[in-house]
PDB file of N, CA and C in Angstrom:
ATOM      1  N   UNK A   1      89.748 -97.032 150.042  1.00  0.00           N
ATOM      2  CA  UNK A   1      91.095 -96.602 150.328  1.00  0.00           C
ATOM      3  C   UNK A   1      91.099 -95.485 151.362  1.00  0.00           C
ATOM      4  N   UNK A   2      90.104 -94.607 151.262  1.00  0.00           N
ATOM      5  CA  UNK A   2      90.050 -93.484 152.200  1.00  0.00           C
ATOM      6  C   UNK A   2      89.858 -93.991 153.621  1.00  0.00           C
ATOM      7  N   UNK A   3      88.911 -94.900 153.821  1.00  0.00           N
ATOM      8  CA  UNK A   3      88.662 -95.394 155.179  1.00  0.00           C
ATOM      9  C   UNK A   3      89.830 -96.225 155.691  1.00  0.00           C
ATOM     10  N   UNK A   4      90.568 -96.878 154.802  1.00  0.00           N
ATOM     11  CA  UNK A   4      91.753 -97.632 155.230  1.00  0.00           C
ATOM     12  C   UNK A   4      92.877 -96.674 155.620  1.00  0.00           C
ATOM     13  N   UNK A   5      93.006 -95.587 154.877  1.00  0.00           N
ATOM     14  CA  UNK A   5      94.058 -94.614 155.167  1.00  0.00           C
ATOM     15  C   UNK A   5      93.734 -93.769 156.393  1.00  0.00           C
ATOM     16  N   UNK A   6      92.459 -93.558 156.635  1.00  0.00           N
ATOM     17  CA  UNK A   6      92.025 -92.719 157.754  1.00  0.00           C
ATOM     18  C   UNK A   6      90.929 -93.443 158.536  1.00  0.00           C
ATOM     19  N   UNK A   7      91.315 -94.343 159.439  1.00  0.00           N
ATOM     20  CA  UNK A   7      90.304 -95.109 160.190  1.00  0.00           C
ATOM     21  C   UNK A   7      89.343 -94.233 160.986  1.00  0.00           C
ATOM     22  N   UNK A   8      89.787 -93.082 161.436  1.00  0.00           N
ATOM     23  CA  UNK A   8      88.889 -92.192 162.190  1.00  0.00           C
ATOM     24  C   UNK A   8      87.786 -91.653 161.282  1.00  0.00           C
ATOM     25  N   UNK A   9      88.092 -91.507 160.001  1.00  0.00           N
ATOM     26  CA  UNK A   9      87.076 -91.069 159.044  1.00  0.00           C
ATOM     27  C   UNK A   9      85.990 -92.145 158.921  1.00  0.00           C
ATOM     28  N   UNK A  10      86.397 -93.407 158.926  1.00  0.00           N
ATOM     29  CA  UNK A  10      85.428 -94.493 158.857  1.00  0.00           C
ATOM     30  C   UNK A  10      84.508 -94.453 160.083  1.00  0.00           C
ATOM     31  N   UNK A  11      85.072 -94.221 161.246  1.00  0.00           N
ATOM     32  CA  UNK A  11      84.268 -94.137 162.464  1.00  0.00           C
ATOM     33  C   UNK A  11      83.304 -92.955 162.394  1.00  0.00           C
ATOM     34  N   UNK A  12      83.799 -91.816 161.927  1.00  0.00           N
ATOM     35  CA  UNK A  12      82.948 -90.628 161.802  1.00  0.00           C
ATOM     36  C   UNK A  12      81.825 -90.868 160.797  1.00  0.00           C
ATOM     37  N   UNK A  13      82.136 -91.560 159.709  1.00  0.00           N
ATOM     38  CA  UNK A  13      81.123 -91.859 158.698  1.00  0.00           C
ATOM     39  C   UNK A  13      80.056 -92.786 159.272  1.00  0.00           C
ATOM     40  N   UNK A  14      80.467 -93.767 160.064  1.00  0.00           N
ATOM     41  CA  UNK A  14      79.498 -94.673 160.682  1.00  0.00           C
ATOM     42  C   UNK A  14      78.569 -93.904 161.617  1.00  0.00           C
ATOM     43  N   UNK A  15      79.140 -92.991 162.389  1.00  0.00           N
ATOM     44  CA  UNK A  15      78.325 -92.175 163.300  1.00  0.00           C
ATOM     45  C   UNK A  15      77.324 -91.346 162.509  1.00  0.00           C
ATOM     46  N   UNK A  16      77.724 -90.880 161.337  1.00  0.00           N
ATOM     47  CA  UNK A  16      76.857 -90.067 160.488  1.00  0.00           C
ATOM     48  C   UNK A  16      75.790 -90.910 159.782  1.00  0.00           C
ATOM     49  N   UNK A  17      76.122 -92.147 159.443  1.00  0.00           N
ATOM     50  CA  UNK A  17      75.222 -92.980 158.646  1.00  0.00           C
ATOM     51  C   UNK A  17      74.146 -93.686 159.451  1.00  0.00           C
ATOM     52  N   UNK A  18      74.473 -94.124 160.627  1.00  0.00           N
ATOM     53  CA  UNK A  18      73.509 -94.910 161.418  1.00  0.00           C
ATOM     54  C   UNK A  18      72.191 -94.164 161.632  1.00  0.00           C
ATOM     55  N   UNK A  19      72.199 -92.880 162.025  1.00  0.00           N
ATOM     56  CA  UNK A  19      70.907 -92.185 162.191  1.00  0.00           C
ATOM     57  C   UNK A  19      70.119 -92.061 160.892  1.00  0.00           C
ATOM     58  N   UNK A  20      70.791 -92.018 159.776  1.00  0.00           N
ATOM     59  CA  UNK A  20      70.096 -91.923 158.492  1.00  0.00           C
ATOM     60  C   UNK A  20      69.243 -93.166 158.250  1.00  0.00           C
ATOM     61  N   UNK A  21      69.762 -94.303 158.647  1.00  0.00           N
ATOM     62  CA  UNK A  21      69.013 -95.551 158.455  1.00  0.00           C
ATOM     63  C   UNK A  21      67.825 -95.659 159.392  1.00  0.00           C
ATOM     64  N   UNK A  22      67.793 -94.825 160.404  1.00  0.00           N
ATOM     65  CA  UNK A  22      66.680 -94.823 161.351  1.00  0.00           C
ATOM     66  C   UNK A  22      65.559 -93.881 160.927  1.00  0.00           C
ATOM     67  N   UNK A  23      65.794 -93.095 159.885  1.00  0.00           N
ATOM     68  CA  UNK A  23      64.766 -92.170 159.390  1.00  0.00           C
ATOM     69  C   UNK A  23      63.662 -92.971 158.711  1.00  0.00           C
ATOM     70  N   UNK A  24      62.462 -92.462 158.774  1.00  0.00           N
ATOM     71  CA  UNK A  24      61.353 -93.085 158.064  1.00  0.00           C
ATOM     72  C   UNK A  24      61.367 -92.674 156.596  1.00  0.00           C
ATOM     73  N   UNK A  25      60.659 -93.422 155.793  1.00  0.00           N
ATOM     74  CA  UNK A  25      60.612 -93.149 154.354  1.00  0.00           C
ATOM     75  C   UNK A  25      60.132 -91.718 154.061  1.00  0.00           C
ATOM     76  N   UNK A  26      59.061 -91.220 154.713  1.00  0.00           N
ATOM     77  CA  UNK A  26      58.648 -89.839 154.411  1.00  0.00           C
ATOM     78  C   UNK A  26      59.751 -88.813 154.688  1.00  0.00           C
ATOM     79  N   UNK A  27      60.472 -88.972 155.794  1.00  0.00           N
ATOM     80  CA  UNK A  27      61.550 -88.027 156.121  1.00  0.00           C
ATOM     81  C   UNK A  27      62.674 -88.104 155.100  1.00  0.00           C
ATOM     82  N   UNK A  28      63.001 -89.311 154.664  1.00  0.00           N
ATOM     83  CA  UNK A  28      64.049 -89.471 153.651  1.00  0.00           C
ATOM     84  C   UNK A  28      63.622 -88.782 152.359  1.00  0.00           C
ATOM     85  N   UNK A  29      62.394 -89.042 151.928  1.00  0.00           N
ATOM     86  CA  UNK A  29      61.898 -88.445 150.676  1.00  0.00           C
ATOM     87  C   UNK A  29      61.857 -86.922 150.748  1.00  0.00           C
ATOM     88  N   UNK A  30      61.384 -86.391 151.865  1.00  0.00           N
ATOM     89  CA  UNK A  30      61.265 -84.934 151.997  1.00  0.00           C
ATOM     90  C   UNK A  30      62.633 -84.275 151.974  1.00  0.00           C
ATOM     91  N   UNK A  31      63.590 -84.803 152.742  1.00  0.00           N
ATOM     92  CA  UNK A  31      64.913 -84.182 152.786  1.00  0.00           C
ATOM     93  C   UNK A  31      65.652 -84.357 151.459  1.00  0.00           C
ATOM     94  N   UNK A  32      65.416 -85.463 150.779  1.00  0.00           N
ATOM     95  CA  UNK A  32      66.026 -85.668 149.467  1.00  0.00           C
ATOM     96  C   UNK A  32      65.368 -84.767 148.417  1.00  0.00           C
ATOM     97  N   UNK A  33      64.059 -84.600 148.519  1.00  0.00           N
ATOM     98  CA  UNK A  33      63.319 -83.732 147.600  1.00  0.00           C
ATOM     99  C   UNK A  33      63.853 -82.297 147.655  1.00  0.00           C
ATOM    100  N   UNK A  34      64.004 -81.770 148.864  1.00  0.00           N
ATOM    101  CA  UNK A  34      64.473 -80.394 148.988  1.00  0.00           C
ATOM    102  C   UNK A  34      65.933 -80.250 148.568  1.00  0.00           C
ATOM    103  N   UNK A  35      66.724 -81.293 148.772  1.00  0.00           N
ATOM    104  CA  UNK A  35      68.090 -81.269 148.260  1.00  0.00           C
ATOM    105  C   UNK A  35      68.056 -81.178 146.733  1.00  0.00           C
ATOM    106  N   UNK A  36      67.182 -81.952 146.101  1.00  0.00           N
ATOM    107  CA  UNK A  36      67.052 -81.913 144.644  1.00  0.00           C
ATOM    108  C   UNK A  36      66.677 -80.533 144.145  1.00  0.00           C
ATOM    109  N   UNK A  37      65.768 -79.868 144.861  1.00  0.00           N
ATOM    110  CA  UNK A  37      65.393 -78.503 144.482  1.00  0.00           C
ATOM    111  C   UNK A  37      66.600 -77.575 144.583  1.00  0.00           C
ATOM    112  N   UNK A  38      67.347 -77.684 145.670  1.00  0.00           N
ATOM    113  CA  UNK A  38      68.519 -76.820 145.850  1.00  0.00           C
ATOM    114  C   UNK A  38      69.583 -77.075 144.792  1.00  0.00           C
ATOM    115  N   UNK A  39      69.837 -78.334 144.467  1.00  0.00           N
ATOM    116  CA  UNK A  39      70.866 -78.648 143.472  1.00  0.00           C
ATOM    117  C   UNK A  39      70.424 -78.174 142.087  1.00  0.00           C
ATOM    118  N   UNK A  40      69.139 -78.359 141.774  1.00  0.00           N
ATOM    119  CA  UNK A  40      68.625 -77.843 140.503  1.00  0.00           C
ATOM    120  C   UNK A  40      68.800 -76.322 140.444  1.00  0.00           C
ATOM    121  N   UNK A  41      68.429 -75.649 141.518  1.00  0.00           N
ATOM    122  CA  UNK A  41      68.518 -74.185 141.562  1.00  0.00           C
ATOM    123  C   UNK A  41      69.953 -73.712 141.375  1.00  0.00           C
ATOM    124  N   UNK A  42      70.888 -74.377 142.033  1.00  0.00           N
ATOM    125  CA  UNK A  42      72.307 -73.999 141.910  1.00  0.00           C
ATOM    126  C   UNK A  42      72.771 -74.111 140.468  1.00  0.00           C
ATOM    127  N   UNK A  43      72.438 -75.214 139.825  1.00  0.00           N
ATOM    128  CA  UNK A  43      72.863 -75.433 138.441  1.00  0.00           C
ATOM    129  C   UNK A  43      72.130 -74.479 137.496  1.00  0.00           C
ATOM    130  N   UNK A  44      70.838 -74.276 137.716  1.00  0.00           N
ATOM    131  CA  UNK A  44      70.057 -73.392 136.848  1.00  0.00           C
ATOM    132  C   UNK A  44      70.578 -71.957 136.912  1.00  0.00           C
ATOM    133  N   UNK A  45      70.899 -71.486 138.095  1.00  0.00           N
ATOM    134  CA  UNK A  45      71.435 -70.126 138.219  1.00  0.00           C
ATOM    135  C   UNK A  45      72.761 -70.022 137.481  1.00  0.00           C
ATOM    136  N   UNK A  46      73.595 -71.027 137.621  1.00  0.00           N
ATOM    137  CA  UNK A  46      74.880 -70.995 136.928  1.00  0.00           C
ATOM    138  C   UNK A  46      74.681 -71.012 135.414  1.00  0.00           C
ATOM    139  N   UNK A  47      73.789 -71.878 134.929  1.00  0.00           N
ATOM    140  CA  UNK A  47      73.549 -71.972 133.480  1.00  0.00           C
ATOM    141  C   UNK A  47      72.899 -70.713 132.919  1.00  0.00           C
ATOM    142  N   UNK A  48      71.901 -70.190 133.636  1.00  0.00           N
ATOM    143  CA  UNK A  48      71.138 -69.058 133.116  1.00  0.00           C
ATOM    144  C   UNK A  48      71.850 -67.723 133.298  1.00  0.00           C
ATOM    145  N   UNK A  49      72.548 -67.555 134.394  1.00  0.00           N
ATOM    146  CA  UNK A  49      73.181 -66.267 134.701  1.00  0.00           C
ATOM    147  C   UNK A  49      74.698 -66.286 134.541  1.00  0.00           C
ATOM    148  N   UNK A  50      75.275 -67.489 134.433  1.00  0.00           N
ATOM    149  CA  UNK A  50      76.726 -67.593 134.354  1.00  0.00           C
ATOM    150  C   UNK A  50      77.406 -67.213 135.660  1.00  0.00           C
ATOM    151  N   UNK A  51      76.660 -67.295 136.745  1.00  0.00           N
ATOM    152  CA  UNK A  51      77.171 -66.883 138.044  1.00  0.00           C
ATOM    153  C   UNK A  51      77.225 -68.073 138.999  1.00  0.00           C
ATOM    154  N   UNK A  52      78.308 -68.195 139.759  1.00  0.00           N
ATOM    155  CA  UNK A  52      78.375 -69.266 140.754  1.00  0.00           C
ATOM    156  C   UNK A  52      77.623 -68.930 142.041  1.00  0.00           C
ATOM    157  N   UNK A  53      76.900 -67.818 142.074  1.00  0.00           N
ATOM    158  CA  UNK A  53      76.194 -67.391 143.287  1.00  0.00           C
ATOM    159  C   UNK A  53      75.226 -68.465 143.784  1.00  0.00           C
ATOM    160  N   UNK A  54      74.536 -69.119 142.879  1.00  0.00           N
ATOM    161  CA  UNK A  54      73.603 -70.170 143.265  1.00  0.00           C
ATOM    162  C   UNK A  54      74.298 -71.323 143.960  1.00  0.00           C
ATOM    163  N   UNK A  55      75.484 -71.654 143.478  1.00  0.00           N
ATOM    164  CA  UNK A  55      76.259 -72.726 144.096  1.00  0.00           C
ATOM    165  C   UNK A  55      76.684 -72.309 145.496  1.00  0.00           C
ATOM    166  N   UNK A  56      77.175 -71.084 145.623  1.00  0.00           N
ATOM    167  CA  UNK A  56      77.648 -70.599 146.923  1.00  0.00           C
ATOM    168  C   UNK A  56      76.509 -70.430 147.933  1.00  0.00           C
ATOM    169  N   UNK A  57      75.295 -70.303 147.444  1.00  0.00           N
ATOM    170  CA  UNK A  57      74.146 -70.208 148.344  1.00  0.00           C
ATOM    171  C   UNK A  57      73.519 -71.581 148.598  1.00  0.00           C
ATOM    172  N   UNK A  58      73.223 -72.315 147.539  1.00  0.00           N
ATOM    173  CA  UNK A  58      72.454 -73.559 147.661  1.00  0.00           C
ATOM    174  C   UNK A  58      73.221 -74.698 148.320  1.00  0.00           C
ATOM    175  N   UNK A  59      74.489 -74.848 148.006  1.00  0.00           N
ATOM    176  CA  UNK A  59      75.247 -75.957 148.581  1.00  0.00           C
ATOM    177  C   UNK A  59      75.375 -75.820 150.104  1.00  0.00           C
ATOM    178  N   UNK A  60      75.758 -74.654 150.633  1.00  0.00           N
ATOM    179  CA  UNK A  60      75.781 -74.543 152.101  1.00  0.00           C
ATOM    180  C   UNK A  60      74.412 -74.737 152.748  1.00  0.00           C
ATOM    181  N   UNK A  61      73.349 -74.264 152.101  1.00  0.00           N
ATOM    182  CA  UNK A  61      72.005 -74.469 152.655  1.00  0.00           C
ATOM    183  C   UNK A  61      71.700 -75.964 152.730  1.00  0.00           C
ATOM    184  N   UNK A  62      72.025 -76.689 151.677  1.00  0.00           N
ATOM    185  CA  UNK A  62      71.796 -78.136 151.673  1.00  0.00           C
ATOM    186  C   UNK A  62      72.588 -78.813 152.792  1.00  0.00           C
ATOM    187  N   UNK A  63      73.842 -78.435 152.960  1.00  0.00           N
ATOM    188  CA  UNK A  63      74.688 -79.045 153.991  1.00  0.00           C
ATOM    189  C   UNK A  63      74.171 -78.706 155.389  1.00  0.00           C
ATOM    190  N   UNK A  64      73.912 -77.434 155.630  1.00  0.00           N
ATOM    191  CA  UNK A  64      73.473 -77.008 156.965  1.00  0.00           C
ATOM    192  C   UNK A  64      72.082 -77.522 157.314  1.00  0.00           C
ATOM    193  N   UNK A  65      71.269 -77.765 156.306  1.00  0.00           N
ATOM    194  CA  UNK A  65      69.911 -78.272 156.550  1.00  0.00           C
ATOM    195  C   UNK A  65      69.891 -79.769 156.804  1.00  0.00           C
ATOM    196  N   UNK A  66      70.970 -80.448 156.472  1.00  0.00           N
ATOM    197  CA  UNK A  66      71.007 -81.896 156.665  1.00  0.00           C
ATOM    198  C   UNK A  66      70.190 -82.649 155.632  1.00  0.00           C
ATOM    199  N   UNK A  67      69.996 -82.035 154.474  1.00  0.00           N
ATOM    200  CA  UNK A  67      69.241 -82.699 153.421  1.00  0.00           C
ATOM    201  C   UNK A  67      70.047 -83.869 152.859  1.00  0.00           C
ATOM    202  N   UNK A  68      69.346 -84.821 152.258  1.00  0.00           N
ATOM    203  CA  UNK A  68      69.982 -86.034 151.738  1.00  0.00           C
ATOM    204  C   UNK A  68      70.358 -85.878 150.272  1.00  0.00           C
ATOM    205  N   UNK A  69      71.622 -86.096 149.977  1.00  0.00           N
ATOM    206  CA  UNK A  69      72.135 -86.055 148.608  1.00  0.00           C
ATOM    207  C   UNK A  69      72.668 -87.449 148.296  1.00  0.00           C
ATOM    208  N   UNK A  70      72.163 -88.056 147.243  1.00  0.00           N
ATOM    209  CA  UNK A  70      72.483 -89.452 146.964  1.00  0.00           C
ATOM    210  C   UNK A  70      73.982 -89.700 146.801  1.00  0.00           C
ATOM    211  N   UNK A  71      74.681 -88.829 146.103  1.00  0.00           N
ATOM    212  CA  UNK A  71      76.114 -89.046 145.875  1.00  0.00           C
ATOM    213  C   UNK A  71      76.891 -88.882 147.180  1.00  0.00           C
ATOM    214  N   UNK A  72      76.576 -87.854 147.945  1.00  0.00           N
ATOM    215  CA  UNK A  72      77.246 -87.653 149.229  1.00  0.00           C
ATOM    216  C   UNK A  72      76.964 -88.829 150.161  1.00  0.00           C
ATOM    217  N   UNK A  73      75.707 -89.282 150.195  1.00  0.00           N
ATOM    218  CA  UNK A  73      75.356 -90.408 151.054  1.00  0.00           C
ATOM    219  C   UNK A  73      76.091 -91.680 150.628  1.00  0.00           C
ATOM    220  N   UNK A  74      76.228 -91.899 149.322  1.00  0.00           N
ATOM    221  CA  UNK A  74      76.969 -93.068 148.844  1.00  0.00           C
ATOM    222  C   UNK A  74      78.410 -93.027 149.350  1.00  0.00           C
ATOM    223  N   UNK A  75      79.016 -91.859 149.293  1.00  0.00           N
ATOM    224  CA  UNK A  75      80.387 -91.709 149.776  1.00  0.00           C
ATOM    225  C   UNK A  75      80.480 -92.059 151.262  1.00  0.00           C
ATOM    226  N   UNK A  76      79.573 -91.501 152.062  1.00  0.00           N
ATOM    227  CA  UNK A  76      79.622 -91.754 153.505  1.00  0.00           C
ATOM    228  C   UNK A  76      79.377 -93.222 153.840  1.00  0.00           C
ATOM    229  N   UNK A  77      78.396 -93.854 153.190  1.00  0.00           N
ATOM    230  CA  UNK A  77      78.135 -95.266 153.464  1.00  0.00           C
ATOM    231  C   UNK A  77      79.314 -96.132 153.020  1.00  0.00           C
ATOM    232  N   UNK A  78      79.926 -95.769 151.899  1.00  0.00           N
ATOM    233  CA  UNK A  78      81.083 -96.520 151.440  1.00  0.00           C
ATOM    234  C   UNK A  78      82.249 -96.355 152.412  1.00  0.00           C
ATOM    235  N   UNK A  79      82.496 -95.109 152.857  1.00  0.00           N
ATOM    236  CA  UNK A  79      83.566 -94.868 153.841  1.00  0.00           C
ATOM    237  C   UNK A  79      83.290 -95.600 155.148  1.00  0.00           C
ATOM    238  N   UNK A  80      82.039 -95.689 155.522  1.00  0.00           N
ATOM    239  CA  UNK A  80      81.662 -96.365 156.763  1.00  0.00           C
ATOM    240  C   UNK A  80      81.713 -97.885 156.608  1.00  0.00           C
ATOM    241  N   UNK A  81      81.916 -98.317 155.365  1.00  0.00           N
ATOM    242  CA  UNK A  81      81.917 -99.745 155.034  1.00  0.00           C
ATOM    243  C   UNK A  81      80.608-100.402 155.444  1.00  0.00           C
ATOM    244  N   UNK A  82      79.532 -99.697 155.181  1.00  0.00           N
ATOM    245  CA  UNK A  82      78.196-100.199 155.486  1.00  0.00           C
ATOM    246  C   UNK A  82      77.532-100.606 154.169  1.00  0.00           C
ATOM    247  N   UNK A  83      77.392-101.903 153.973  1.00  0.00           N
ATOM    248  CA  UNK A  83      76.791-102.444 152.763  1.00  0.00           C
ATOM    249  C   UNK A  83      75.698-103.414 153.186  1.00  0.00           C
ATOM    250  N   UNK A  84      74.464-103.085 152.876  1.00  0.00           N
ATOM    251  CA  UNK A  84      73.354-103.965 153.234  1.00  0.00           C
ATOM    252  C   UNK A  84      72.156-103.612 152.363  1.00  0.00           C
ATOM    253  N   UNK A  85      71.153-104.459 152.413  1.00  0.00           N
ATOM    254  CA  UNK A  85      69.910-104.184 151.687  1.00  0.00           C
ATOM    255  C   UNK A  85      69.267-102.908 152.231  1.00  0.00           C
ATOM    256  N   UNK A  86      69.385-102.678 153.532  1.00  0.00           N
ATOM    257  CA  UNK A  86      68.818-101.476 154.150  1.00  0.00           C
ATOM    258  C   UNK A  86      69.489-100.215 153.598  1.00  0.00           C
ATOM    259  N   UNK A  87      70.796-100.262 153.433  1.00  0.00           N
ATOM    260  CA  UNK A  87      71.531 -99.123 152.862  1.00  0.00           C
ATOM    261  C   UNK A  87      71.118 -98.930 151.410  1.00  0.00           C
ATOM    262  N   UNK A  88      71.021-100.020 150.659  1.00  0.00           N
ATOM    263  CA  UNK A  88      70.612 -99.936 149.260  1.00  0.00           C
ATOM    264  C   UNK A  88      69.224 -99.315 149.132  1.00  0.00           C
ATOM    265  N   UNK A  89      68.297 -99.743 149.971  1.00  0.00           N
ATOM    266  CA  UNK A  89      66.938 -99.187 149.950  1.00  0.00           C
ATOM    267  C   UNK A  89      66.965 -97.702 150.299  1.00  0.00           C
ATOM    268  N   UNK A  90      67.719 -97.338 151.344  1.00  0.00           N
ATOM    269  CA  UNK A  90      67.841 -95.937 151.733  1.00  0.00           C
ATOM    270  C   UNK A  90      68.331 -95.105 150.546  1.00  0.00           C
ATOM    271  N   UNK A  91      69.401 -95.567 149.894  1.00  0.00           N
ATOM    272  CA  UNK A  91      69.964 -94.822 148.763  1.00  0.00           C
ATOM    273  C   UNK A  91      68.975 -94.743 147.600  1.00  0.00           C
ATOM    274  N   UNK A  92      68.224 -95.807 147.366  1.00  0.00           N
ATOM    275  CA  UNK A  92      67.225 -95.789 146.294  1.00  0.00           C
ATOM    276  C   UNK A  92      66.153 -94.740 146.579  1.00  0.00           C
ATOM    277  N   UNK A  93      65.724 -94.652 147.823  1.00  0.00           N
ATOM    278  CA  UNK A  93      64.714 -93.650 148.195  1.00  0.00           C
ATOM    279  C   UNK A  93      65.283 -92.248 148.042  1.00  0.00           C
ATOM    280  N   UNK A  94      66.538 -92.055 148.424  1.00  0.00           N
ATOM    281  CA  UNK A  94      67.176 -90.743 148.278  1.00  0.00           C
ATOM    282  C   UNK A  94      67.276 -90.374 146.803  1.00  0.00           C
ATOM    283  N   UNK A  95      67.635 -91.322 145.963  1.00  0.00           N
ATOM    284  CA  UNK A  95      67.734 -91.050 144.519  1.00  0.00           C
ATOM    285  C   UNK A  95      66.382 -90.608 143.966  1.00  0.00           C
ATOM    286  N   UNK A  96      65.322 -91.286 144.380  1.00  0.00           N
ATOM    287  CA  UNK A  96      63.978 -90.905 143.930  1.00  0.00           C
ATOM    288  C   UNK A  96      63.650 -89.484 144.402  1.00  0.00           C
ATOM    289  N   UNK A  97      63.897 -89.199 145.673  1.00  0.00           N
ATOM    290  CA  UNK A  97      63.615 -87.867 146.211  1.00  0.00           C
ATOM    291  C   UNK A  97      64.428 -86.783 145.526  1.00  0.00           C
ATOM    292  N   UNK A  98      65.733 -87.028 145.311  1.00  0.00           N
ATOM    293  CA  UNK A  98      66.576 -86.059 144.610  1.00  0.00           C
ATOM    294  C   UNK A  98      66.066 -85.827 143.192  1.00  0.00           C
ATOM    295  N   UNK A  99      65.682 -86.907 142.527  1.00  0.00           N
ATOM    296  CA  UNK A  99      65.208 -86.794 141.147  1.00  0.00           C
ATOM    297  C   UNK A  99      63.913 -86.005 141.053  1.00  0.00           C
ATOM    298  N   UNK A 100      62.963 -86.323 141.919  1.00  0.00           N
ATOM    299  CA  UNK A 100      61.675 -85.607 141.906  1.00  0.00           C
ATOM    300  C   UNK A 100      61.897 -84.139 142.264  1.00  0.00           C
ATOM    301  N   UNK A 101      62.744 -83.874 143.256  1.00  0.00           N
ATOM    302  CA  UNK A 101      63.056 -82.494 143.623  1.00  0.00           C
ATOM    303  C   UNK A 101      63.721 -81.736 142.491  1.00  0.00           C
ATOM    304  N   UNK A 102      64.616 -82.410 141.768  1.00  0.00           N
ATOM    305  CA  UNK A 102      65.294 -81.775 140.643  1.00  0.00           C
ATOM    306  C   UNK A 102      64.381 -81.496 139.462  1.00  0.00           C
ATOM    307  N   UNK A 103      63.289 -82.235 139.363  1.00  0.00           N
ATOM    308  CA  UNK A 103      62.341 -82.032 138.257  1.00  0.00           C
ATOM    309  C   UNK A 103      61.177 -81.124 138.638  1.00  0.00           C
ATOM    310  N   UNK A 104      61.072 -80.778 139.904  1.00  0.00           N
ATOM    311  CA  UNK A 104      59.910 -80.040 140.400  1.00  0.00           C
ATOM    312  C   UNK A 104      59.802 -78.646 139.789  1.00  0.00           C
ATOM    313  N   UNK A 105      60.852 -77.857 139.858  1.00  0.00           N
ATOM    314  CA  UNK A 105      60.794 -76.481 139.336  1.00  0.00           C
ATOM    315  C   UNK A 105      60.602 -76.473 137.819  1.00  0.00           C
ATOM    316  N   UNK A 106      61.340 -77.305 137.052  1.00  0.00           N
ATOM    317  CA  UNK A 106      61.053 -77.332 135.611  1.00  0.00           C
ATOM    318  C   UNK A 106      59.612 -77.728 135.297  1.00  0.00           C
ATOM    319  N   UNK A 107      59.045 -78.642 136.089  1.00  0.00           N
ATOM    320  CA  UNK A 107      57.649 -79.036 135.870  1.00  0.00           C
ATOM    321  C   UNK A 107      56.712 -77.870 136.161  1.00  0.00           C
ATOM    322  N   UNK A 108      56.987 -77.123 137.232  1.00  0.00           N
ATOM    323  CA  UNK A 108      56.171 -75.938 137.528  1.00  0.00           C
ATOM    324  C   UNK A 108      56.274 -74.905 136.413  1.00  0.00           C
ATOM    325  N   UNK A 109      57.485 -74.713 135.915  1.00  0.00           N
ATOM    326  CA  UNK A 109      57.682 -73.758 134.799  1.00  0.00           C
ATOM    327  C   UNK A 109      56.879 -74.187 133.579  1.00  0.00           C
ATOM    328  N   UNK A 110      56.932 -75.470 133.271  1.00  0.00           N
ATOM    329  CA  UNK A 110      56.211 -75.981 132.100  1.00  0.00           C
ATOM    330  C   UNK A 110      54.708 -75.807 132.282  1.00  0.00           C
ATOM    331  N   UNK A 111      54.204 -76.098 133.461  1.00  0.00           N
ATOM    332  CA  UNK A 111      52.776 -75.889 133.730  1.00  0.00           C
ATOM    333  C   UNK A 111      52.380 -74.429 133.586  1.00  0.00           C
ATOM    334  N   UNK A 112      53.237 -73.545 134.089  1.00  0.00           N
ATOM    335  CA  UNK A 112      52.953 -72.106 133.994  1.00  0.00           C
ATOM    336  C   UNK A 112      52.936 -71.663 132.536  1.00  0.00           C
ATOM    337  N   UNK A 113      53.862 -72.180 131.734  1.00  0.00           N
ATOM    338  CA  UNK A 113      53.900 -71.830 130.304  1.00  0.00           C
ATOM    339  C   UNK A 113      52.669 -72.348 129.580  1.00  0.00           C
ATOM    340  N   UNK A 114      52.227 -73.552 129.912  1.00  0.00           N
ATOM    341  CA  UNK A 114      51.062 -74.135 129.281  1.00  0.00           C
ATOM    342  C   UNK A 114      49.784 -73.367 129.626  1.00  0.00           C
ATOM    343  N   UNK A 115      49.714 -72.824 130.842  1.00  0.00           N
ATOM    344  CA  UNK A 115      48.538 -72.057 131.242  1.00  0.00           C
ATOM    345  C   UNK A 115      48.501 -70.696 130.573  1.00  0.00           C
ATOM    346  N   UNK A 116      49.677 -70.175 130.181  1.00  0.00           N
ATOM    347  CA  UNK A 116      49.717 -68.888 129.475  1.00  0.00           C
ATOM    348  C   UNK A 116      49.160 -69.001 128.074  1.00  0.00           C
ATOM    349  N   UNK A 117      49.289 -70.170 127.493  1.00  0.00           N
ATOM    350  CA  UNK A 117      48.873 -70.381 126.100  1.00  0.00           C
ATOM    351  C   UNK A 117      47.414 -70.536 125.977  1.00  0.00           C
TER     352      UNK A 117
END
């Protein structure tokens, strides 16, 4: 509905999406991984400190860095009306990278706790 209501948005989304499909798998994984770390950090700071400071810091860093966020990418590809196996594969790789990035800091914490014991 958004792309139908705002055709220029669809064009802008296509311009944004096409270069993403040209990225190699390592670049997709790395940018998605760091996005996952940032999103985890934002949520962890909010949960642990009750402060939105992490959100106000991490979200702009993720946006300005051009990191890949699976939900944001899904929105852009949908707005661009780009549906293909290539898009599906790209999104699957981003989901894996976001997930691994989101689990990275908790895994490090757990390892550190285990070494203390």
